Amino acid sequence: MSMKIIVSYDGTANEDDAIALGRLFAHAGAQVSLAYVRHTPERDSEREALAQSEAQGILDRGVELLGDAGAGRFPVGRHVVTDRSTPEGLATLAAQEGAEVIVFCSDSHTAKGHVAVGNSAEHLLEGGRTAIAIAPVDLSERVNGSPIAQIVAVGDADGGARETADSLAAAFGASVAPVVNEDTDLLVIDSRAEAEHGRVSISASASHLIEIATSPVLVLPRGVRLAFDRAPAATAA
């Protein structure tokens, strides 16, 4: 069964970077869906129908940006979720769909080329059950196809970062390097050793790595290993 990934997308600032990261995972064989979280339903039925239609339109645009990478083996899912909390809505959707990763863009005030954890991602990085991926600002401008050449895994032997990095490297035809450097294209981070199995919780040193990262970051729940299976070339429908 292929990896399921949900991209949080509402069409606002930096959200195209989350789409770009979703596209990279699709190139690694993941089944990608997009999710838009509305916070309150409209009481009037016509207004509610209009709000749903607008949300679907935003997701349709996201699917267009995802491009051929989302059209290989799987149809691209579109989910409009109503929840007062964006992270809780996404976590519930991930549980329902069996998704193993939720993808976010960086905070809207982040400098170009850098990563910053937004509020929703931060909430899920402390106690969430789903791996969290965060795209650097401008990823959508620099990604062309699947240019992942070097991956770095950070964590101890009991975590899943190294095996996940190996799986991604095999999918991309990339290498796994021992330390982060200017050539790092993807950073895979384990949750800290004290975290409950299956829960996300990052150490201070991991938080620092994310703060200075210029590549996409994937944070794993404790003890979780993700297995990717590269998709064949997409074909026109």
Foldseek 3Di string as FASTA:
>chain_A
DAAEEEEEFDPDAQSLLLLLVQLLQLQLVHAYEYEYEAADADPDPVVNVVVVVVRVVRRVVSVVSSPLSNFAPDHYHYYYFYHNAPLVRVLVVCVVVVHQEYEYEADNPDDALAHHHDPSNVVQLFWHLHKYKYGGHCNSVPDDRNPAAEEEEDDDPQFARVLQRVQSCVSRVHYYDHDDDPNHAEYEYEAHPPADASGHHHDPVVVVCRRGDSHMYIYHGGNDHDHTHRTDRGDDD
